[in-house]
């Protein structure tokens, strides 16, 4: 019988779920049986990607962003008792899941309560340093405390100076066993002619996802080229609507998304780390609009702008003419790095 490995991404936008797709595929390719556990849109997406696998719903963290980015940290602090309760609930759920499904190992992507002391447990994060402004030292310390419950931490980046996560994934000392497994992406670059002048990729918790959607649809009314707009709403059925030169999808499956990004000259998106990894794999030119108040996305956007790779600006400052600056930037490029999953899975 194949060993069953529980793969559990955090439901915070779609990034954690999508970067688990190559891991789930690699588990199957190496003779394991992946069992998927998550909640909300992350679980919905993985059900569509892997309809034949077993899916389990975990207790939700119910994280939402503040409407005003300035209050992001304050809202997280206010929500922390509920968050801690959710972590406790998922830890109890894991005890039952391990017994019911005869689980042999666990891979958690940022779900803090998904581990079991009796089993080899992996924690995936690109944030060895958790940025939170003046409280970065505290948020990092608290994150480390949770990661210590796991056997090993996998960082989806390279350990070299040439890397994507910068100071988020590279610290002077980290006492928890850590392995750099290389950037993760579900996509492959294809040499195809461009069919779209611009593609918009949205995701992330509300209300900020909708606020950016409304702003971009308003700004792009005057855009002359062909636009594909993906809202990032995981709904039961895919929808497609046409508004002049803009084609709007509620969501795309991986296959269509890979095809459409490859066929698009430019991309507008959040600067979430998974999006950065995907666009680097596909060698794309992009414009980033970080989620207001999310220090990690603001840091990544600023870093890539300073390095001359991708322009960016604050959400409230975005206007259509900002896109003209893309021509002055190099764009993102992939690293020559292949994850050695066979060796990594020896843990199980």
Protein backbone atom coordinates (compact mmCIF):
# COMPACT_ATOMS: atom_id res chain seq x y z
CA UNK A 1 0.00 0.00 0.00
CA UNK A 2 1.26 3.51 -0.86
CA UNK A 3 2.27 5.74 2.03
CA UNK A 4 -0.25 8.53 2.52
CA UNK A 5 1.14 12.05 2.91
CA UNK A 6 -1.13 14.84 4.13
CA UNK A 7 -0.59 18.13 2.23
CA UNK A 8 -2.21 21.11 3.94
CA UNK A 9 -1.84 24.66 2.54
CA UNK A 10 -3.08 27.77 4.33
CA UNK A 11 -6.21 29.37 2.88
CA UNK A 12 -4.85 32.92 2.53
CA UNK A 13 -5.49 33.89 -1.07
CA UNK A 14 -4.52 31.17 -3.55
CA UNK A 15 -0.71 31.29 -3.30
CA UNK A 16 -0.15 28.62 -0.67
CA UNK A 17 -2.46 26.20 -2.49
CA UNK A 18 -0.97 26.79 -5.95
CA UNK A 19 2.63 26.34 -4.85
CA UNK A 20 1.65 23.00 -3.31
CA UNK A 21 0.54 21.74 -6.76
CA UNK A 22 4.07 20.73 -7.89
CA UNK A 23 4.62 19.05 -4.50
CA UNK A 24 1.38 17.05 -4.80
CA UNK A 25 2.34 15.99 -8.34
CA UNK A 26 5.85 15.02 -7.19
CA UNK A 27 4.43 12.91 -4.34
CA UNK A 28 2.28 10.96 -6.80
CA UNK A 29 5.22 10.58 -9.21
CA UNK A 30 7.38 9.18 -6.40
CA UNK A 31 4.91 6.50 -5.31
CA UNK A 32 3.08 8.28 -2.48
CA UNK A 33 -0.65 8.94 -2.11
CA UNK A 34 -1.26 12.65 -1.37
CA UNK A 35 -4.23 13.51 0.86
CA UNK A 36 -5.25 17.18 0.57
CA UNK A 37 -6.48 19.19 3.56
CA UNK A 38 -7.41 22.87 3.61
CA UNK A 39 -10.49 25.11 3.59
CA UNK A 40 -12.21 27.83 1.57
CA UNK A 41 -10.90 28.88 -1.85
CA UNK A 42 -7.60 27.00 -1.35
CA UNK A 43 -9.48 23.71 -0.97
CA UNK A 44 -11.82 24.57 -3.87
CA UNK A 45 -8.86 25.18 -6.16
CA UNK A 46 -7.12 21.92 -5.24
CA UNK A 47 -10.36 19.97 -5.71
CA UNK A 48 -10.50 21.29 -9.28
CA UNK A 49 -6.81 20.49 -9.88
CA UNK A 50 -6.90 17.01 -8.32
CA UNK A 51 -10.50 15.74 -8.49
CA UNK A 52 -9.47 12.08 -7.95
CA UNK A 53 -7.57 12.65 -4.71
CA UNK A 54 -9.04 12.65 -1.19
CA UNK A 55 -9.92 16.14 0.12
CA UNK A 56 -10.52 17.04 3.76
CA UNK A 57 -11.88 20.32 5.11
CA UNK A 58 -9.92 21.85 8.00
CA UNK A 59 -11.12 24.52 10.48
CA UNK A 60 -10.88 27.97 8.90
CA UNK A 61 -8.56 30.73 10.15
CA UNK A 62 -11.13 33.26 8.82
CA UNK A 63 -8.46 35.88 8.15
CA UNK A 64 -9.57 39.06 6.40
CA UNK A 65 -7.70 42.30 5.72
CA UNK A 66 -8.58 45.69 7.12
CA UNK A 67 -10.25 47.97 4.56
CA UNK A 68 -7.59 50.55 5.35
CA UNK A 69 -4.05 49.12 5.05
CA UNK A 70 -2.86 51.24 7.99
CA UNK A 71 -4.97 49.08 10.32
CA UNK A 72 -3.78 45.72 8.94
CA UNK A 73 -1.57 44.92 11.95
CA UNK A 74 -4.17 46.16 14.43
CA UNK A 75 -6.82 43.93 12.88
CA UNK A 76 -4.51 40.89 12.97
CA UNK A 77 -3.89 41.59 16.66
CA UNK A 78 -7.63 41.86 17.29
CA UNK A 79 -8.22 38.57 15.42
CA UNK A 80 -5.36 36.72 17.18
CA UNK A 81 -7.53 34.96 19.85
CA UNK A 82 -9.73 33.55 17.05
CA UNK A 83 -6.61 32.60 15.09
CA UNK A 84 -5.12 30.74 18.06
CA UNK A 85 -8.43 28.92 18.55
CA UNK A 86 -8.41 27.87 14.88
CA UNK A 87 -4.83 26.54 15.24
CA UNK A 88 -5.90 24.54 18.31
CA UNK A 89 -8.95 23.21 16.41
CA UNK A 90 -6.89 22.11 13.39
CA UNK A 91 -4.36 20.40 15.69
CA UNK A 92 -7.20 18.34 17.17
CA UNK A 93 -8.55 17.66 13.66
CA UNK A 94 -5.11 16.39 12.55
CA UNK A 95 -5.06 13.82 15.38
CA UNK A 96 -8.31 12.34 14.00
CA UNK A 97 -7.23 12.59 10.34
CA UNK A 98 -3.92 10.80 11.03
CA UNK A 99 -5.76 7.84 12.59
CA UNK A 100 -8.69 7.75 10.14
CA UNK A 101 -6.61 7.94 6.96
CA UNK A 102 -3.49 6.11 8.19
CA UNK A 103 -1.22 9.09 7.42
CA UNK A 104 2.56 8.47 7.20
CA UNK A 105 3.80 12.06 6.93
CA UNK A 106 2.67 15.68 6.87
CA UNK A 107 3.54 18.68 4.67
CA UNK A 108 2.06 21.93 5.99
CA UNK A 109 2.30 25.13 3.99
CA UNK A 110 1.96 27.77 6.71
CA UNK A 111 -0.77 25.96 8.66
CA UNK A 112 0.61 26.26 12.16
CA UNK A 113 -1.36 23.45 13.80
CA UNK A 114 -0.91 20.81 11.09
CA UNK A 115 1.73 18.51 12.58
CA UNK A 116 1.90 15.32 14.61
CA UNK A 117 4.70 14.42 17.02
CA UNK A 118 4.53 10.75 15.99
CA UNK A 119 5.03 11.52 12.27
CA UNK A 120 7.66 13.29 10.14
CA UNK A 121 6.20 16.77 9.64
CA UNK A 122 7.39 19.46 7.21
CA UNK A 123 6.64 23.19 7.41
CA UNK A 124 6.87 25.21 4.17
CA UNK A 125 7.50 28.96 4.40
CA UNK A 126 9.48 31.66 2.61
CA UNK A 127 9.32 33.80 5.75
CA UNK A 128 12.07 32.91 8.20
CA UNK A 129 11.76 36.60 9.07
CA UNK A 130 8.13 37.77 9.41
CA UNK A 131 7.97 41.47 8.65
CA UNK A 132 5.53 43.50 10.75
CA UNK A 133 7.19 46.91 11.02
CA UNK A 134 8.39 47.78 14.52
CA UNK A 135 7.23 44.37 15.82
CA UNK A 136 9.18 42.25 13.28
CA UNK A 137 11.32 40.79 16.09
CA UNK A 138 8.17 39.62 17.91
CA UNK A 139 6.31 38.21 14.88
CA UNK A 140 9.49 36.37 13.81
CA UNK A 141 9.98 34.94 17.31
CA UNK A 142 6.35 33.74 17.47
CA UNK A 143 6.62 32.15 14.01
CA UNK A 144 9.80 30.31 15.02
CA UNK A 145 8.02 28.94 18.09
CA UNK A 146 5.43 27.28 15.86
CA UNK A 147 7.97 26.03 13.30
CA UNK A 148 9.92 24.28 16.09
CA UNK A 149 7.02 21.80 16.36
CA UNK A 150 7.99 20.43 12.92
CA UNK A 151 10.93 18.19 11.94
CA UNK A 152 12.17 20.44 9.15
CA UNK A 153 11.40 23.71 7.39
CA UNK A 154 11.41 23.84 3.58
CA UNK A 155 12.08 27.27 2.04
CA UNK A 156 10.89 27.60 -1.58
CA UNK A 157 13.91 29.60 -2.76
CA UNK A 158 17.64 29.24 -3.35
CA UNK A 159 20.21 29.77 -0.61
CA UNK A 160 22.39 31.82 -3.00
CA UNK A 161 22.75 35.58 -3.22
CA UNK A 162 20.66 35.38 -6.38
CA UNK A 163 17.24 34.67 -4.86
CA UNK A 164 13.60 35.81 -4.85
CA UNK A 165 12.71 36.21 -1.17
CA UNK A 166 15.58 38.44 0.01
CA UNK A 167 15.73 38.97 3.78
CA UNK A 168 12.39 37.17 4.25
CA UNK A 169 13.92 33.76 3.50
CA UNK A 170 17.56 34.43 4.42
CA UNK A 171 18.62 35.09 7.99
CA UNK A 172 22.01 34.92 9.72
CA UNK A 173 20.95 32.17 12.12
CA UNK A 174 17.94 29.86 12.22
CA UNK A 175 18.17 27.07 14.78
CA UNK A 176 15.43 24.97 13.16
CA UNK A 177 16.61 22.45 10.48
CA UNK A 178 16.08 24.25 7.16
CA UNK A 179 16.36 23.19 3.53
CA UNK A 180 16.20 25.47 0.48
CA UNK A 181 14.20 23.51 -2.07
CA UNK A 182 14.23 26.09 -4.90
CA UNK A 183 11.37 28.28 -6.19
CA UNK A 184 8.11 26.34 -6.67
CA UNK A 185 5.83 26.91 -9.65
CA UNK A 186 3.09 24.86 -11.28
CA UNK A 187 3.90 26.48 -14.64
CA UNK A 188 6.27 25.91 -17.58
CA UNK A 189 7.48 28.58 -19.98
CA UNK A 190 6.27 28.16 -23.56
CA UNK A 191 7.65 30.07 -26.55
CA UNK A 192 4.37 31.31 -28.02
CA UNK A 193 3.32 34.57 -29.72
CA UNK A 194 1.55 37.15 -27.54
CA UNK A 195 -2.24 37.25 -27.94
CA UNK A 196 -2.92 39.66 -25.05
CA UNK A 197 -1.30 43.03 -24.41
CA UNK A 198 -2.07 42.88 -20.69
CA UNK A 199 -3.19 40.31 -18.14
CA UNK A 200 -4.56 41.10 -14.67
CA UNK A 201 -4.12 38.41 -11.99
CA UNK A 202 -6.01 38.94 -8.74
CA UNK A 203 -6.26 36.89 -5.55
CA UNK A 204 -6.00 37.37 -1.80
CA UNK A 205 -8.41 37.91 1.09
CA UNK A 206 -11.23 40.41 1.03
CA UNK A 207 -12.00 43.28 1.06
CA UNK A 208 -8.70 44.24 -0.62
CA UNK A 209 -9.16 41.87 -3.58
CA UNK A 210 -12.45 43.56 -4.52
CA UNK A 211 -11.07 47.07 -3.91
CA UNK A 212 -8.25 46.43 -6.40
CA UNK A 213 -10.60 44.75 -8.88
CA UNK A 214 -12.86 47.83 -8.91
CA UNK A 215 -9.92 50.21 -9.27
CA UNK A 216 -8.29 48.29 -12.14
CA UNK A 217 -11.54 47.83 -14.09
CA UNK A 218 -12.11 51.60 -13.80
CA UNK A 219 -8.55 52.48 -14.91
CA UNK A 220 -8.43 49.94 -17.77
CA UNK A 221 -11.54 51.31 -19.47
CA UNK A 222 -9.22 53.65 -21.38
CA UNK A 223 -6.53 51.02 -22.15
CA UNK A 224 -6.11 50.59 -25.91
CA UNK A 225 -4.81 47.01 -25.99
CA UNK A 226 -6.38 43.59 -25.43
CA UNK A 227 -6.85 42.73 -21.72
CA UNK A 228 -7.51 39.40 -19.96
CA UNK A 229 -8.72 39.96 -16.39
CA UNK A 230 -8.74 37.03 -13.90
CA UNK A 231 -10.57 37.88 -10.67
CA UNK A 232 -9.29 34.92 -8.65
CA UNK A 233 -12.75 33.96 -7.38
CA UNK A 234 -12.96 30.17 -6.98
CA UNK A 235 -16.59 29.49 -7.87
CA UNK A 236 -18.31 26.20 -8.86
CA UNK A 237 -18.41 27.14 -12.55
CA UNK A 238 -16.02 29.18 -14.67
CA UNK A 239 -17.55 32.33 -16.16
CA UNK A 240 -16.29 34.55 -18.99
CA UNK A 241 -17.62 38.03 -19.81
CA UNK A 242 -16.61 40.62 -22.38
CA UNK A 243 -16.49 44.36 -21.67
CA UNK A 244 -15.15 46.08 -24.79
CA UNK A 245 -11.46 45.13 -25.02
CA UNK A 246 -11.49 43.40 -21.59
CA UNK A 247 -12.26 39.67 -21.19
CA UNK A 248 -13.10 38.90 -17.54
CA UNK A 249 -12.86 35.41 -15.99
CA UNK A 250 -13.87 34.60 -12.41
CA UNK A 251 -11.02 32.03 -12.28
CA UNK A 252 -8.82 29.85 -14.47
CA UNK A 253 -7.55 26.32 -13.90
CA UNK A 254 -3.76 25.86 -13.98
CA UNK A 255 -3.64 24.69 -17.60
CA UNK A 256 -5.54 27.70 -18.98
CA UNK A 257 -3.75 30.10 -16.63
CA UNK A 258 -0.31 28.87 -17.76
CA UNK A 259 -1.36 29.22 -21.42
CA UNK A 260 -2.79 32.73 -20.93
CA UNK A 261 0.15 34.12 -18.94
CA UNK A 262 2.55 32.76 -21.58
CA UNK A 263 0.44 34.49 -24.25
CA UNK A 264 0.37 37.85 -22.40
CA UNK A 265 2.99 40.56 -22.92
CA UNK A 266 2.52 42.23 -19.50
CA UNK A 267 1.00 41.22 -16.15
CA UNK A 268 -0.51 43.32 -13.33
CA UNK A 269 -0.78 41.51 -10.00
CA UNK A 270 -0.19 41.57 -6.28
CA UNK A 271 3.40 40.96 -5.20
CA UNK A 272 2.62 37.78 -3.26
CA UNK A 273 5.59 35.43 -3.15
CA UNK A 274 3.92 32.63 -5.12
CA UNK A 275 3.02 35.08 -7.89
CA UNK A 276 6.65 36.26 -7.95
CA UNK A 277 7.83 32.62 -8.31
CA UNK A 278 5.31 31.92 -11.09
CA UNK A 279 6.15 35.04 -13.09
CA UNK A 280 9.89 34.38 -12.70
CA UNK A 281 9.42 30.86 -14.06
CA UNK A 282 7.62 32.32 -17.09
CA UNK A 283 10.13 35.18 -17.60
CA UNK A 284 7.42 37.85 -17.45
CA UNK A 285 7.41 41.62 -17.42
CA UNK A 286 5.01 42.81 -14.74
CA UNK A 287 3.67 45.64 -12.59
CA UNK A 288 3.11 44.94 -8.88
CA UNK A 289 0.53 46.48 -6.57
CA UNK A 290 1.17 45.13 -3.04
CA UNK A 291 -1.77 44.53 -0.70
CA UNK A 292 -2.05 47.65 1.52
CA UNK A 293 -0.54 47.09 4.96
CA UNK A 294 0.94 43.68 4.14
CA UNK A 295 4.61 44.22 4.96
CA UNK A 296 5.81 41.10 3.12
CA UNK A 297 4.26 42.12 -0.22
CA UNK A 298 5.40 45.73 0.19
CA UNK A 299 8.97 44.55 0.86
CA UNK A 300 9.01 42.19 -2.16
CA UNK A 301 7.58 44.87 -4.48
CA UNK A 302 10.08 47.52 -3.27
CA UNK A 303 13.02 45.10 -3.52
CA UNK A 304 12.20 44.06 -7.09
CA UNK A 305 11.65 47.69 -8.09
CA UNK A 306 14.98 48.79 -6.58
CA UNK A 307 16.74 45.94 -8.43
CA UNK A 308 15.32 47.23 -11.73
CA UNK A 309 13.21 44.12 -12.35
CA UNK A 310 9.55 45.09 -11.80
CA UNK A 311 7.95 48.53 -11.24
CA UNK A 312 5.37 48.89 -8.47
CA UNK A 313 3.27 51.42 -6.59
CA UNK A 314 0.76 51.69 -3.76
CA UNK A 315 -2.81 50.70 -4.58
CA UNK A 316 -4.26 54.19 -4.14
CA UNK A 317 -1.59 55.68 -6.42
CA UNK A 318 -2.10 53.37 -9.40
CA UNK A 319 -3.13 55.04 -12.66
CA UNK A 320 -3.07 53.73 -16.21
CA UNK A 321 -0.02 55.77 -17.22
CA UNK A 322 2.07 53.92 -14.59
CA UNK A 323 2.21 50.96 -17.00
CA UNK A 324 4.49 52.96 -19.28
CA UNK A 325 7.32 52.51 -16.74
CA UNK A 326 7.42 48.70 -17.37
CA UNK A 327 9.54 49.33 -20.46
CA UNK A 328 12.36 50.61 -18.22
CA UNK A 329 12.56 47.37 -16.18
CA UNK A 330 14.18 44.02 -17.02
CA UNK A 331 11.35 41.73 -15.91
CA UNK A 332 11.64 38.49 -13.93
CA UNK A 333 13.71 35.46 -14.96
CA UNK A 334 13.78 31.85 -13.78
CA UNK A 335 16.61 30.25 -11.83
CA UNK A 336 18.28 27.09 -13.08
CA UNK A 337 17.19 25.09 -10.03
CA UNK A 338 15.30 21.80 -9.90
CA UNK A 339 13.92 20.53 -6.59
CA UNK A 340 15.22 17.05 -5.74
CA UNK A 341 11.88 15.72 -4.51
CA UNK A 342 13.03 12.10 -4.38
CA UNK A 343 15.68 13.06 -1.81
CA UNK A 344 13.34 15.43 0.06
CA UNK A 345 10.70 12.70 0.37
CA UNK A 346 13.22 10.33 2.02
CA UNK A 347 11.99 11.94 5.25
CA UNK A 348 8.83 9.82 4.89
